[in-house]
Amino acid sequence: MAGKDVQRARWPLVAIVVTAVVVLIATFMVLRTMPPRVVVMATGTEGGAYSEIGKRYREILARAGVELRLRQTGGSVENVELLRDPRS
């Protein structure tokens, strides 16, 4: 009988620990799946059409709290190389 009394006395602690673990795991999963707050966009040369479009996107995304960093490139060939490079 003493064993059952000990188990009954500890169930609230076990419930709290299990709940805390579940909340921590759920928080971690949600934070991991959130979109990035900083995005880099290759825009081609300064003054080109892609550069101007990038500037407009930067203004629009800034309203949503997303920072858009514009990266000037030598043009479409370099842009394709950046897209294929997993480290870029």
PDB file of N, CA and C in Angstrom:
ATOM      1  N   MET A   1       0.800  -1.194   0.000  1.00  0.00           N
ATOM      2  CA  MET A   1       0.000   0.000   0.000  1.00  0.00           C
ATOM      3  C   MET A   1       0.847   1.264   0.000  1.00  0.00           C
ATOM      4  N   ALA A   2       1.992   1.207   0.660  1.00  0.00           N
ATOM      5  CA  ALA A   2       2.835   2.398   0.739  1.00  0.00           C
ATOM      6  C   ALA A   2       3.339   2.801  -0.642  1.00  0.00           C
ATOM      7  N   GLY A   3       3.587   1.811  -1.507  1.00  0.00           N
ATOM      8  CA  GLY A   3       4.057   2.102  -2.863  1.00  0.00           C
ATOM      9  C   GLY A   3       3.025   2.869  -3.668  1.00  0.00           C
ATOM     10  N   LYS A   4       1.753   2.509  -3.520  1.00  0.00           N
ATOM     11  CA  LYS A   4       0.686   3.202  -4.237  1.00  0.00           C
ATOM     12  C   LYS A   4       0.528   4.633  -3.744  1.00  0.00           C
ATOM     13  N   ASP A   5       0.720   4.850  -2.458  1.00  0.00           N
ATOM     14  CA  ASP A   5       0.629   6.208  -1.916  1.00  0.00           C
ATOM     15  C   ASP A   5       1.739   7.095  -2.472  1.00  0.00           C
ATOM     16  N   VAL A   6       2.927   6.528  -2.604  1.00  0.00           N
ATOM     17  CA  VAL A   6       4.046   7.290  -3.168  1.00  0.00           C
ATOM     18  C   VAL A   6       3.760   7.636  -4.619  1.00  0.00           C
ATOM     19  N   GLN A   7       3.217   6.677  -5.367  1.00  0.00           N
ATOM     20  CA  GLN A   7       2.883   6.923  -6.771  1.00  0.00           C
ATOM     21  C   GLN A   7       1.810   7.998  -6.891  1.00  0.00           C
ATOM     22  N   ARG A   8       0.818   7.947  -6.053  1.00  0.00           N
ATOM     23  CA  ARG A   8      -0.249   8.956  -6.091  1.00  0.00           C
ATOM     24  C   ARG A   8       0.276  10.333  -5.735  1.00  0.00           C
ATOM     25  N   ALA A   9       1.230  10.391  -4.854  1.00  0.00           N
ATOM     26  CA  ALA A   9       1.777  11.680  -4.440  1.00  0.00           C
ATOM     27  C   ALA A   9       2.658  12.289  -5.522  1.00  0.00           C
ATOM     28  N   ARG A  10       3.232  11.461  -6.384  1.00  0.00           N
ATOM     29  CA  ARG A  10       4.169  11.972  -7.398  1.00  0.00           C
ATOM     30  C   ARG A  10       3.521  12.249  -8.750  1.00  0.00           C
ATOM     31  N   TRP A  11       2.293  11.833  -8.983  1.00  0.00           N
ATOM     32  CA  TRP A  11       1.711  12.013 -10.310  1.00  0.00           C
ATOM     33  C   TRP A  11       1.626  13.471 -10.737  1.00  0.00           C
ATOM     34  N   PRO A  12       1.368  14.450  -9.851  1.00  0.00           N
ATOM     35  CA  PRO A  12       1.354  15.836 -10.325  1.00  0.00           C
ATOM     36  C   PRO A  12       2.730  16.280 -10.840  1.00  0.00           C
ATOM     37  N   LEU A  13       3.793  15.859 -10.173  1.00  0.00           N
ATOM     38  CA  LEU A  13       5.141  16.196 -10.616  1.00  0.00           C
ATOM     39  C   LEU A  13       5.436  15.566 -11.971  1.00  0.00           C
ATOM     40  N   VAL A  14       5.055  14.320 -12.147  1.00  0.00           N
ATOM     41  CA  VAL A  14       5.256  13.641 -13.426  1.00  0.00           C
ATOM     42  C   VAL A  14       4.462  14.346 -14.527  1.00  0.00           C
ATOM     43  N   ALA A  15       3.242  14.722 -14.241  1.00  0.00           N
ATOM     44  CA  ALA A  15       2.401  15.416 -15.225  1.00  0.00           C
ATOM     45  C   ALA A  15       3.023  16.752 -15.617  1.00  0.00           C
ATOM     46  N   ILE A  16       3.566  17.481 -14.669  1.00  0.00           N
ATOM     47  CA  ILE A  16       4.194  18.771 -14.956  1.00  0.00           C
ATOM     48  C   ILE A  16       5.435  18.575 -15.821  1.00  0.00           C
ATOM     49  N   VAL A  17       6.238  17.595 -15.492  1.00  0.00           N
ATOM     50  CA  VAL A  17       7.464  17.336 -16.266  1.00  0.00           C
ATOM     51  C   VAL A  17       7.110  16.920 -17.693  1.00  0.00           C
ATOM     52  N   VAL A  18       6.164  16.040 -17.855  1.00  0.00           N
ATOM     53  CA  VAL A  18       5.761  15.592 -19.188  1.00  0.00           C
ATOM     54  C   VAL A  18       5.199  16.767 -19.992  1.00  0.00           C
ATOM     55  N   THR A  19       4.380  17.585 -19.384  1.00  0.00           N
ATOM     56  CA  THR A  19       3.829  18.760 -20.061  1.00  0.00           C
ATOM     57  C   THR A  19       4.934  19.719 -20.481  1.00  0.00           C
ATOM     58  N   ALA A  20       5.895  19.951 -19.610  1.00  0.00           N
ATOM     59  CA  ALA A  20       7.005  20.853 -19.933  1.00  0.00           C
ATOM     60  C   ALA A  20       7.814  20.326 -21.111  1.00  0.00           C
ATOM     61  N   VAL A  21       8.066  19.039 -21.136  1.00  0.00           N
ATOM     62  CA  VAL A  21       8.821  18.439 -22.240  1.00  0.00           C
ATOM     63  C   VAL A  21       8.052  18.580 -23.548  1.00  0.00           C
ATOM     64  N   VAL A  22       6.759  18.318 -23.522  1.00  0.00           N
ATOM     65  CA  VAL A  22       5.940  18.450 -24.727  1.00  0.00           C
ATOM     66  C   VAL A  22       5.938  19.893 -25.222  1.00  0.00           C
ATOM     67  N   VAL A  23       5.805  20.852 -24.325  1.00  0.00           N
ATOM     68  CA  VAL A  23       5.811  22.265 -24.707  1.00  0.00           C
ATOM     69  C   VAL A  23       7.165  22.657 -25.310  1.00  0.00           C
ATOM     70  N   LEU A  24       8.250  22.204 -24.721  1.00  0.00           N
ATOM     71  CA  LEU A  24       9.575  22.521 -25.253  1.00  0.00           C
ATOM     72  C   LEU A  24       9.783  21.930 -26.642  1.00  0.00           C
ATOM     73  N   ILE A  25       9.363  20.698 -26.838  1.00  0.00           N
ATOM     74  CA  ILE A  25       9.497  20.066 -28.153  1.00  0.00           C
ATOM     75  C   ILE A  25       8.643  20.801 -29.183  1.00  0.00           C
ATOM     76  N   ALA A  26       7.417  21.143 -28.834  1.00  0.00           N
ATOM     77  CA  ALA A  26       6.538  21.865 -29.758  1.00  0.00           C
ATOM     78  C   ALA A  26       7.117  23.234 -30.100  1.00  0.00           C
ATOM     79  N   THR A  27       7.654  23.941 -29.114  1.00  0.00           N
ATOM     80  CA  THR A  27       8.261  25.252 -29.361  1.00  0.00           C
ATOM     81  C   THR A  27       9.443  25.118 -30.294  1.00  0.00           C
ATOM     82  N   PHE A  28      10.288  24.141 -30.064  1.00  0.00           N
ATOM     83  CA  PHE A  28      11.444  23.925 -30.922  1.00  0.00           C
ATOM     84  C   PHE A  28      11.014  23.642 -32.354  1.00  0.00           C
ATOM     85  N   MET A  29       9.998  22.806 -32.542  1.00  0.00           N
ATOM     86  CA  MET A  29       9.537  22.464 -33.884  1.00  0.00           C
ATOM     87  C   MET A  29       8.950  23.678 -34.599  1.00  0.00           C
ATOM     88  N   VAL A  30       8.206  24.498 -33.881  1.00  0.00           N
ATOM     89  CA  VAL A  30       7.617  25.689 -34.495  1.00  0.00           C
ATOM     90  C   VAL A  30       8.710  26.679 -34.888  1.00  0.00           C
ATOM     91  N   LEU A  31       9.668  26.910 -34.009  1.00  0.00           N
ATOM     92  CA  LEU A  31      10.743  27.858 -34.313  1.00  0.00           C
ATOM     93  C   LEU A  31      11.611  27.375 -35.465  1.00  0.00           C
ATOM     94  N   ARG A  32      11.792  26.070 -35.577  1.00  0.00           N
ATOM     95  CA  ARG A  32      12.602  25.524 -36.659  1.00  0.00           C
ATOM     96  C   ARG A  32      11.956  25.697 -38.019  1.00  0.00           C
ATOM     97  N   THR A  33      10.643  25.716 -38.065  1.00  0.00           N
ATOM     98  CA  THR A  33       9.940  25.785 -39.342  1.00  0.00           C
ATOM     99  C   THR A  33       9.571  27.208 -39.742  1.00  0.00           C
ATOM    100  N   MET A  34       9.922  28.183 -38.940  1.00  0.00           N
ATOM    101  CA  MET A  34       9.579  29.569 -39.283  1.00  0.00           C
ATOM    102  C   MET A  34      10.452  30.054 -40.436  1.00  0.00           C
ATOM    103  N   PRO A  35       9.907  30.900 -41.290  1.00  0.00           N
ATOM    104  CA  PRO A  35      10.691  31.401 -42.413  1.00  0.00           C
ATOM    105  C   PRO A  35      11.808  32.317 -41.926  1.00  0.00           C
ATOM    106  N   PRO A  36      12.845  32.464 -42.745  1.00  0.00           N
ATOM    107  CA  PRO A  36      13.961  33.321 -42.344  1.00  0.00           C
ATOM    108  C   PRO A  36      13.547  34.788 -42.292  1.00  0.00           C
ATOM    109  N   ARG A  37      14.206  35.562 -41.455  1.00  0.00           N
ATOM    110  CA  ARG A  37      13.924  36.999 -41.357  1.00  0.00           C
ATOM    111  C   ARG A  37      14.878  37.804 -42.227  1.00  0.00           C
ATOM    112  N   VAL A  38      15.889  37.140 -42.787  1.00  0.00           N
ATOM    113  CA  VAL A  38      16.845  37.794 -43.692  1.00  0.00           C
ATOM    114  C   VAL A  38      16.927  36.947 -44.956  1.00  0.00           C
ATOM    115  N   VAL A  39      16.748  37.605 -46.113  1.00  0.00           N
ATOM    116  CA  VAL A  39      16.805  36.926 -47.401  1.00  0.00           C
ATOM    117  C   VAL A  39      17.789  37.681 -48.280  1.00  0.00           C
ATOM    118  N   VAL A  40      18.587  36.935 -49.059  1.00  0.00           N
ATOM    119  CA  VAL A  40      19.539  37.547 -49.984  1.00  0.00           C
ATOM    120  C   VAL A  40      19.028  37.303 -51.399  1.00  0.00           C
ATOM    121  N   MET A  41      19.058  38.367 -52.215  1.00  0.00           N
ATOM    122  CA  MET A  41      18.567  38.272 -53.589  1.00  0.00           C
ATOM    123  C   MET A  41      19.650  38.760 -54.539  1.00  0.00           C
ATOM    124  N   ALA A  42      19.997  37.941 -55.526  1.00  0.00           N
ATOM    125  CA  ALA A  42      20.939  38.356 -56.567  1.00  0.00           C
ATOM    126  C   ALA A  42      20.191  39.247 -57.556  1.00  0.00           C
ATOM    127  N   THR A  43      20.755  40.427 -57.858  1.00  0.00           N
ATOM    128  CA  THR A  43      20.009  41.398 -58.652  1.00  0.00           C
ATOM    129  C   THR A  43      20.653  41.777 -59.973  1.00  0.00           C
ATOM    130  N   GLY A  44      21.780  41.237 -60.318  1.00  0.00           N
ATOM    131  CA  GLY A  44      22.430  41.663 -61.549  1.00  0.00           C
ATOM    132  C   GLY A  44      23.180  42.956 -61.316  1.00  0.00           C
ATOM    133  N   THR A  45      23.379  43.705 -62.371  1.00  0.00           N
ATOM    134  CA  THR A  45      24.179  44.931 -62.288  1.00  0.00           C
ATOM    135  C   THR A  45      23.359  46.101 -61.748  1.00  0.00           C
ATOM    136  N   GLU A  46      24.048  47.069 -61.159  1.00  0.00           N
ATOM    137  CA  GLU A  46      23.404  48.277 -60.616  1.00  0.00           C
ATOM    138  C   GLU A  46      22.739  49.052 -61.750  1.00  0.00           C
ATOM    139  N   GLY A  47      21.503  49.474 -61.519  1.00  0.00           N
ATOM    140  CA  GLY A  47      20.764  50.234 -62.515  1.00  0.00           C
ATOM    141  C   GLY A  47      19.971  49.373 -63.480  1.00  0.00           C
ATOM    142  N   GLY A  48      20.168  48.069 -63.431  1.00  0.00           N
ATOM    143  CA  GLY A  48      19.434  47.168 -64.311  1.00  0.00           C
ATOM    144  C   GLY A  48      18.018  46.930 -63.790  1.00  0.00           C
ATOM    145  N   ALA A  49      17.228  46.244 -64.601  1.00  0.00           N
ATOM    146  CA  ALA A  49      15.836  45.980 -64.235  1.00  0.00           C
ATOM    147  C   ALA A  49      15.734  45.133 -62.969  1.00  0.00           C
ATOM    148  N   TYR A  50      16.582  44.106 -62.861  1.00  0.00           N
ATOM    149  CA  TYR A  50      16.527  43.249 -61.671  1.00  0.00           C
ATOM    150  C   TYR A  50      16.908  44.020 -60.413  1.00  0.00           C
ATOM    151  N   SER A  51      17.832  44.939 -60.549  1.00  0.00           N
ATOM    152  CA  SER A  51      18.242  45.755 -59.403  1.00  0.00           C
ATOM    153  C   SER A  51      17.080  46.623 -58.923  1.00  0.00           C
ATOM    154  N   GLU A  52      16.364  47.216 -59.851  1.00  0.00           N
ATOM    155  CA  GLU A  52      15.222  48.064 -59.494  1.00  0.00           C
ATOM    156  C   GLU A  52      14.092  47.238 -58.878  1.00  0.00           C
ATOM    157  N   ILE A  53      13.843  46.055 -59.432  1.00  0.00           N
ATOM    158  CA  ILE A  53      12.813  45.181 -58.871  1.00  0.00           C
ATOM    159  C   ILE A  53      13.208  44.747 -57.456  1.00  0.00           C
ATOM    160  N   GLY A  54      14.490  44.457 -57.261  1.00  0.00           N
ATOM    161  CA  GLY A  54      14.985  44.077 -55.941  1.00  0.00           C
ATOM    162  C   GLY A  54      14.758  45.174 -54.920  1.00  0.00           C
ATOM    163  N   LYS A  55      14.962  46.420 -55.323  1.00  0.00           N
ATOM    164  CA  LYS A  55      14.742  47.550 -54.402  1.00  0.00           C
ATOM    165  C   LYS A  55      13.273  47.653 -54.002  1.00  0.00           C
ATOM    166  N   ARG A  56      12.381  47.398 -54.962  1.00  0.00           N
ATOM    167  CA  ARG A  56      10.950  47.426 -54.634  1.00  0.00           C
ATOM    168  C   ARG A  56      10.576  46.295 -53.687  1.00  0.00           C
ATOM    169  N   TYR A  57      11.114  45.112 -53.955  1.00  0.00           N
ATOM    170  CA  TYR A  57      10.864  43.972 -53.062  1.00  0.00           C
ATOM    171  C   TYR A  57      11.391  44.257 -51.657  1.00  0.00           C
ATOM    172  N   ARG A  58      12.542  44.912 -51.575  1.00  0.00           N
ATOM    173  CA  ARG A  58      13.111  45.216 -50.259  1.00  0.00           C
ATOM    174  C   ARG A  58      12.157  46.097 -49.464  1.00  0.00           C
ATOM    175  N   GLU A  59      11.557  47.091 -50.112  1.00  0.00           N
ATOM    176  CA  GLU A  59      10.600  47.971 -49.430  1.00  0.00           C
ATOM    177  C   GLU A  59       9.355  47.200 -48.982  1.00  0.00           C
ATOM    178  N   ILE A  60       8.847  46.350 -49.848  1.00  0.00           N
ATOM    179  CA  ILE A  60       7.632  45.584 -49.534  1.00  0.00           C
ATOM    180  C   ILE A  60       7.887  44.605 -48.386  1.00  0.00           C
ATOM    181  N   LEU A  61       9.002  43.886 -48.457  1.00  0.00           N
ATOM    182  CA  LEU A  61       9.304  42.897 -47.420  1.00  0.00           C
ATOM    183  C   LEU A  61       9.638  43.561 -46.087  1.00  0.00           C
ATOM    184  N   ALA A  62      10.201  44.765 -46.129  1.00  0.00           N
ATOM    185  CA  ALA A  62      10.531  45.476 -44.887  1.00  0.00           C
ATOM    186  C   ALA A  62       9.260  45.753 -44.080  1.00  0.00           C
ATOM    187  N   ARG A  63       8.141  45.975 -44.752  1.00  0.00           N
ATOM    188  CA  ARG A  63       6.872  46.203 -44.049  1.00  0.00           C
ATOM    189  C   ARG A  63       6.439  44.972 -43.253  1.00  0.00           C
ATOM    190  N   ALA A  64       6.874  43.800 -43.707  1.00  0.00           N
ATOM    191  CA  ALA A  64       6.532  42.554 -43.019  1.00  0.00           C
ATOM    192  C   ALA A  64       7.623  42.121 -42.041  1.00  0.00           C
ATOM    193  N   GLY A  65       8.635  42.962 -41.875  1.00  0.00           N
ATOM    194  CA  GLY A  65       9.702  42.649 -40.931  1.00  0.00           C
ATOM    195  C   GLY A  65      10.782  41.732 -41.482  1.00  0.00           C
ATOM    196  N   VAL A  66      10.847  41.605 -42.807  1.00  0.00           N
ATOM    197  CA  VAL A  66      11.856  40.762 -43.443  1.00  0.00           C
ATOM    198  C   VAL A  66      12.905  41.665 -44.085  1.00  0.00           C
ATOM    199  N   GLU A  67      14.169  41.395 -43.775  1.00  0.00           N
ATOM    200  CA  GLU A  67      15.264  42.176 -44.362  1.00  0.00           C
ATOM    201  C   GLU A  67      15.695  41.502 -45.660  1.00  0.00           C
ATOM    202  N   LEU A  68      15.680  42.255 -46.754  1.00  0.00           N
ATOM    203  CA  LEU A  68      16.131  41.750 -48.045  1.00  0.00           C
ATOM    204  C   LEU A  68      17.475  42.387 -48.358  1.00  0.00           C
ATOM    205  N   ARG A  69      18.494  41.556 -48.460  1.00  0.00           N
ATOM    206  CA  ARG A  69      19.829  42.038 -48.823  1.00  0.00           C
ATOM    207  C   ARG A  69      20.022  41.816 -50.314  1.00  0.00           C
ATOM    208  N   LEU A  70      20.347  42.875 -51.017  1.00  0.00           N
ATOM    209  CA  LEU A  70      20.536  42.793 -52.461  1.00  0.00           C
ATOM    210  C   LEU A  70      22.008  42.535 -52.767  1.00  0.00           C
ATOM    211  N   ARG A  71      22.248  41.536 -53.589  1.00  0.00           N
ATOM    212  CA  ARG A  71      23.624  41.187 -53.971  1.00  0.00           C
ATOM    213  C   ARG A  71      23.790  41.432 -55.458  1.00  0.00           C
ATOM    214  N   GLN A  72      24.637  42.384 -55.787  1.00  0.00           N
ATOM    215  CA  GLN A  72      24.883  42.680 -57.189  1.00  0.00           C
ATOM    216  C   GLN A  72      25.780  41.609 -57.792  1.00  0.00           C
ATOM    217  N   THR A  73      25.415  41.198 -58.995  1.00  0.00           N
ATOM    218  CA  THR A  73      26.179  40.177 -59.701  1.00  0.00           C
ATOM    219  C   THR A  73      26.511  40.680 -61.098  1.00  0.00           C
ATOM    220  N   GLY A  74      27.275  39.884 -61.803  1.00  0.00           N
ATOM    221  CA  GLY A  74      27.652  40.239 -63.173  1.00  0.00           C
ATOM    222  C   GLY A  74      26.571  39.964 -64.190  1.00  0.00           C
ATOM    223  N   GLY A  75      25.471  39.374 -63.790  1.00  0.00           N
ATOM    224  CA  GLY A  75      24.379  39.102 -64.718  1.00  0.00           C
ATOM    225  C   GLY A  75      23.804  37.715 -64.532  1.00  0.00           C
ATOM    226  N   SER A  76      23.056  37.272 -65.541  1.00  0.00           N
ATOM    227  CA  SER A  76      22.294  36.037 -65.423  1.00  0.00           C
ATOM    228  C   SER A  76      23.173  34.793 -65.285  1.00  0.00           C
ATOM    229  N   VAL A  77      24.334  34.778 -65.928  1.00  0.00           N
ATOM    230  CA  VAL A  77      25.210  33.609 -65.828  1.00  0.00           C
ATOM    231  C   VAL A  77      25.673  33.433 -64.378  1.00  0.00           C
ATOM    232  N   GLU A  78      26.087  34.511 -63.748  1.00  0.00           N
ATOM    233  CA  GLU A  78      26.520  34.437 -62.350  1.00  0.00           C
ATOM    234  C   GLU A  78      25.341  34.100 -61.438  1.00  0.00           C
ATOM    235  N   ASN A  79      24.159  34.605 -61.755  1.00  0.00           N
ATOM    236  CA  ASN A  79      22.972  34.287 -60.951  1.00  0.00           C
ATOM    237  C   ASN A  79      22.677  32.783 -60.981  1.00  0.00           C
ATOM    238  N   VAL A  80      22.774  32.176 -62.153  1.00  0.00           N
ATOM    239  CA  VAL A  80      22.541  30.738 -62.276  1.00  0.00           C
ATOM    240  C   VAL A  80      23.598  29.964 -61.492  1.00  0.00           C
ATOM    241  N   GLU A  81      24.845  30.409 -61.552  1.00  0.00           N
ATOM    242  CA  GLU A  81      25.901  29.747 -60.786  1.00  0.00           C
ATOM    243  C   GLU A  81      25.610  29.822 -59.281  1.00  0.00           C
ATOM    244  N   LEU A  82      25.121  30.964 -58.819  1.00  0.00           N
ATOM    245  CA  LEU A  82      24.777  31.111 -57.397  1.00  0.00           C
ATOM    246  C   LEU A  82      23.623  30.177 -57.020  1.00  0.00           C
ATOM    247  N   LEU A  83      22.650  30.038 -57.889  1.00  0.00           N
ATOM    248  CA  LEU A  83      21.515  29.155 -57.614  1.00  0.00           C
ATOM    249  C   LEU A  83      21.960  27.697 -57.521  1.00  0.00           C
ATOM    250  N   ARG A  84      22.929  27.325 -58.310  1.00  0.00           N
ATOM    251  CA  ARG A  84      23.403  25.937 -58.299  1.00  0.00           C
ATOM    252  C   ARG A  84      24.370  25.657 -57.160  1.00  0.00           C
ATOM    253  N   ASP A  85      24.948  26.687 -56.585  1.00  0.00           N
ATOM    254  CA  ASP A  85      25.922  26.517 -55.505  1.00  0.00           C
ATOM    255  C   ASP A  85      25.186  26.369 -54.165  1.00  0.00           C
ATOM    256  N   PRO A  86      25.263  25.204 -53.524  1.00  0.00           N
ATOM    257  CA  PRO A  86      24.535  25.012 -52.268  1.00  0.00           C
ATOM    258  C   PRO A  86      25.073  25.875 -51.121  1.00  0.00           C
ATOM    259  N   ARG A  87      26.264  26.419 -51.264  1.00  0.00           N
ATOM    260  CA  ARG A  87      26.832  27.255 -50.202  1.00  0.00           C
ATOM    261  C   ARG A  87      26.480  28.736 -50.358  1.00  0.00           C
ATOM    262  N   SER A  88      25.838  29.103 -51.450  1.00  0.00           N
ATOM    263  CA  SER A  88      25.522  30.522 -51.647  1.00  0.00           C
ATOM    264  C   SER A  88      24.201  30.902 -51.020  1.00  0.00           C
TER     265      SER A  88
END
